[in-house]
Protein backbone atom coordinates (compact mmCIF):
# COMPACT_ATOMS: atom_id res chain seq x y z
CA UNK A 1 56.31 104.82 159.79
CA UNK A 2 58.73 107.27 158.08
CA UNK A 3 61.40 104.52 158.27
CA UNK A 4 59.16 102.14 156.71
CA UNK A 5 58.39 104.42 153.97
CA UNK A 6 62.26 105.17 153.45
CA UNK A 7 62.98 101.49 153.41
CA UNK A 8 59.91 100.80 150.87
CA UNK A 9 61.48 103.70 148.75
CA UNK A 10 64.94 102.32 148.72
CA UNK A 11 63.70 98.57 148.07
CA UNK A 12 61.67 100.04 144.84
CA UNK A 13 64.53 102.22 143.60
CA UNK A 14 66.88 99.12 143.79
CA UNK A 15 64.33 97.06 142.04
CA UNK A 16 64.00 99.53 139.29
CA UNK A 17 67.85 99.73 138.84
CA UNK A 18 68.05 96.04 138.92
CA UNK A 19 65.34 96.00 136.16
CA UNK A 20 67.23 98.44 133.93
CA UNK A 21 70.50 96.41 134.35
CA UNK A 22 68.60 93.15 133.49
CA UNK A 23 67.26 94.96 130.39
CA UNK A 24 70.59 96.24 129.30
CA UNK A 25 72.21 92.88 129.77
CA UNK A 26 69.46 91.24 127.90
CA UNK A 27 69.94 93.50 124.96
CA UNK A 28 73.54 93.12 124.87
CA UNK A 29 73.27 89.20 125.14
CA UNK A 30 70.91 89.30 121.95
CA UNK A 31 73.04 91.69 120.09
CA UNK A 32 76.02 89.45 120.64
CA UNK A 33 74.07 86.23 119.46
CA UNK A 34 73.05 88.22 116.44
CA UNK A 35 76.62 89.17 115.75
CA UNK A 36 77.61 85.47 116.12
CA UNK A 37 75.03 84.19 113.79
CA UNK A 38 76.32 87.00 111.22
CA UNK A 39 79.64 85.77 111.40
CA UNK A 40 78.78 82.07 110.83
CA UNK A 41 76.32 83.26 107.82
CA UNK A 42 79.27 85.31 106.25
CA UNK A 43 81.67 82.43 106.74
CA UNK A 44 79.14 79.98 104.94
CA UNK A 45 78.71 82.46 102.11
CA UNK A 46 82.55 82.88 101.66
CA UNK A 47 83.01 79.31 101.37
CA UNK A 48 81.72 79.36 97.99
CA UNK A 49 83.42 80.73 95.10
CA UNK A 50 80.40 81.45 92.88
CA UNK A 51 79.15 85.04 92.10
CA UNK A 52 81.71 86.83 94.38
CA UNK A 53 80.04 90.26 93.86
CA UNK A 54 76.47 88.88 94.78
CA UNK A 55 77.86 87.08 97.95
CA UNK A 56 79.58 90.60 99.00
CA UNK A 57 76.24 92.41 98.31
CA UNK A 58 74.45 89.92 100.67
CA UNK A 59 77.30 90.25 103.35
CA UNK A 60 77.07 93.91 103.24
CA UNK A 61 73.47 93.69 103.80
CA UNK A 62 73.69 91.22 106.68
CA UNK A 63 76.53 93.67 108.35
CA UNK A 64 74.16 96.55 107.84
CA UNK A 65 71.03 94.90 109.42
CA UNK A 66 72.96 93.38 112.40
CA UNK A 67 75.15 96.31 113.35
CA UNK A 68 72.31 98.78 112.71
CA UNK A 69 74.38 100.83 109.95
CA UNK A 70 72.43 102.95 107.51
CA UNK A 71 74.86 101.77 104.78
CA UNK A 72 77.66 99.25 104.26
CA UNK A 73 79.86 98.81 101.27
CA UNK A 74 83.12 97.23 100.06
CA UNK A 75 85.13 99.14 97.55
CA UNK A 76 88.02 97.34 95.47
CA UNK A 77 90.84 99.24 93.54
CA UNK A 78 92.44 98.47 90.50
CA UNK A 79 94.79 95.93 91.85
CA UNK A 80 95.89 93.29 89.27
CA UNK A 81 95.48 90.86 92.02
CA UNK A 82 91.81 91.21 91.97
CA UNK A 83 89.38 89.26 90.27
CA UNK A 84 88.35 90.86 87.17
CA UNK A 85 84.70 91.23 88.03
CA UNK A 86 85.72 92.99 91.37
CA UNK A 87 88.30 95.23 90.00
CA UNK A 88 87.50 98.95 90.54
CA UNK A 89 84.08 97.84 91.82
CA UNK A 90 81.97 99.28 94.84
CA UNK A 91 79.22 96.89 96.06
CA UNK A 92 76.77 98.74 98.54
CA UNK A 93 73.92 97.86 100.80
CA UNK A 94 71.61 100.83 101.86
CA UNK A 95 71.82 104.36 100.63
CA UNK A 96 74.80 106.72 101.36
CA UNK A 97 73.54 110.23 102.11
CA UNK A 98 75.11 113.14 100.46
CA UNK A 99 75.99 114.07 97.13
CA UNK A 100 76.51 110.88 95.00
CA UNK A 101 79.65 112.22 93.09
CA UNK A 102 81.41 113.38 96.19
CA UNK A 103 80.67 110.27 98.09
CA UNK A 104 81.71 107.52 95.50
CA UNK A 105 84.95 109.74 94.71
CA UNK A 106 85.62 109.57 98.54
CA UNK A 107 85.24 105.92 98.67
CA UNK A 108 87.12 105.35 95.41
CA UNK A 109 90.08 107.36 97.01
CA UNK A 110 89.85 105.37 100.20
CA UNK A 111 90.02 102.11 98.26
CA UNK A 112 93.18 103.11 96.52
CA UNK A 113 94.96 104.07 99.90
CA UNK A 114 97.89 101.92 100.32
CA UNK A 115 97.84 101.20 104.07
CA UNK A 116 98.14 97.75 105.15
CA UNK A 117 96.36 97.47 108.83
CA UNK A 118 94.20 100.27 110.11
CA UNK A 119 90.78 100.62 111.41
CA UNK A 120 89.44 104.01 111.30
CA UNK A 121 86.49 105.88 112.29
CA UNK A 122 86.42 108.96 109.91
CA UNK A 123 84.87 112.17 111.39
CA UNK A 124 83.12 114.73 109.64
CA UNK A 125 85.34 117.79 109.40
CA UNK A 126 88.43 115.54 109.42
CA UNK A 127 88.08 113.67 106.43
CA UNK A 128 86.45 114.33 103.09
CA UNK A 129 84.54 111.09 102.87
CA UNK A 130 82.73 111.54 106.31
CA UNK A 131 81.92 115.26 105.48
CA UNK A 132 80.41 114.03 102.41
CA UNK A 133 78.07 111.55 103.98
CA UNK A 134 77.31 113.94 106.72
CA UNK A 135 78.27 111.39 109.53
CA UNK A 136 81.10 109.10 111.03
CA UNK A 137 82.34 106.31 108.42
CA UNK A 138 83.73 103.15 109.94
CA UNK A 139 86.43 101.70 107.57
CA UNK A 140 88.77 98.71 107.49
CA UNK A 141 91.20 97.50 104.94
CA UNK A 142 90.58 94.50 102.74
CA UNK A 143 94.09 92.77 101.83
CA UNK A 144 95.09 89.95 99.44
CA UNK A 145 98.31 88.38 100.36
CA UNK A 146 98.99 91.19 102.56
CA UNK A 147 98.52 94.03 99.97
CA UNK A 148 95.74 96.38 100.19
CA UNK A 149 93.06 95.73 97.40
CA UNK A 150 90.13 97.71 98.97
CA UNK A 151 88.13 98.92 102.06
CA UNK A 152 85.09 97.79 103.81
CA UNK A 153 83.06 100.55 105.08
CA UNK A 154 79.97 101.61 106.94
CA UNK A 155 78.16 104.68 108.14
CA UNK A 156 74.76 106.08 109.28
CA UNK A 157 75.08 104.15 112.48
CA UNK A 158 71.61 103.90 114.21
CA UNK A 159 69.83 102.04 116.86
CA UNK A 160 69.80 102.76 120.72
CA UNK A 161 73.55 103.31 120.58
CA UNK A 162 74.51 105.68 117.57
CA UNK A 163 78.04 105.56 118.46
CA UNK A 164 80.66 103.34 116.89
CA UNK A 165 82.17 101.20 119.72
CA UNK A 166 85.30 98.95 119.94
CA UNK A 167 83.33 95.79 119.67
CA UNK A 168 81.84 96.71 116.12
CA UNK A 169 85.25 97.98 115.20
CA UNK A 170 86.81 94.49 116.13
CA UNK A 171 83.72 92.55 114.36
CA UNK A 172 84.31 94.75 111.38
CA UNK A 173 88.06 94.14 111.27
CA UNK A 174 87.25 90.24 111.35
CA UNK A 175 84.90 90.43 108.35
CA UNK A 176 87.37 92.77 106.51
CA UNK A 177 89.88 89.82 107.12
CA UNK A 178 87.41 87.08 105.99
CA UNK A 179 86.68 88.93 102.80
CA UNK A 180 90.22 89.26 102.02
CA UNK A 181 90.79 85.49 102.57
CA UNK A 182 87.56 84.83 100.55
CA UNK A 183 89.20 86.95 97.73
CA UNK A 184 92.41 84.94 98.00
CA UNK A 185 90.74 81.77 97.79
CA UNK A 186 88.48 82.67 94.93
CA UNK A 187 91.60 84.20 92.76
CA UNK A 188 93.46 80.78 93.42
CA UNK A 189 90.16 78.81 92.44
CA UNK A 190 89.80 81.00 89.15
CA UNK A 191 93.63 80.38 88.33
CA UNK A 192 93.09 76.68 89.03
CA UNK A 193 90.09 76.52 86.73
CA UNK A 194 91.99 78.57 83.84
CA UNK A 195 94.90 75.95 83.93
CA UNK A 196 92.36 72.95 83.65
């Protein structure tokens, strides 16, 4: 009877482990589906050239919701390449914690950094913006014809896994590239309209 009880215990343990693995796999599958749907929505929004600031606000909100960040923003520098209504502007979804002046100053400084290709996780204590926000900040450059015109950033990661992981960084990088391409297309469209 002891052997039968031990076998039953092993079977029950294996069934519990299988159930946990299945639940984890299901959660990852749902998250991947939501991320793919977000990419399609972002691409559809960026196919239009009307009201770029409003489109970017919607995109920031979608990124925030799908990737479970507390806030997402895109900040532009003062590059003459930028559309006039985006120049020097910060567009946010969610509320950034911390002192608003310190946070917005940190975001503005980051948008003006002239790095061409980087994806960073800014850490509390090692970067002033993360320290001002009280948590890690994910950031990625937005470029126009290879020149940095701003930065896509997010913080306050929540959900079941509050760590910023590689898949989120890759998705964030792709969206920053989409925003850069969107801006290039919108700027060319504006030039053509001005010449007509």
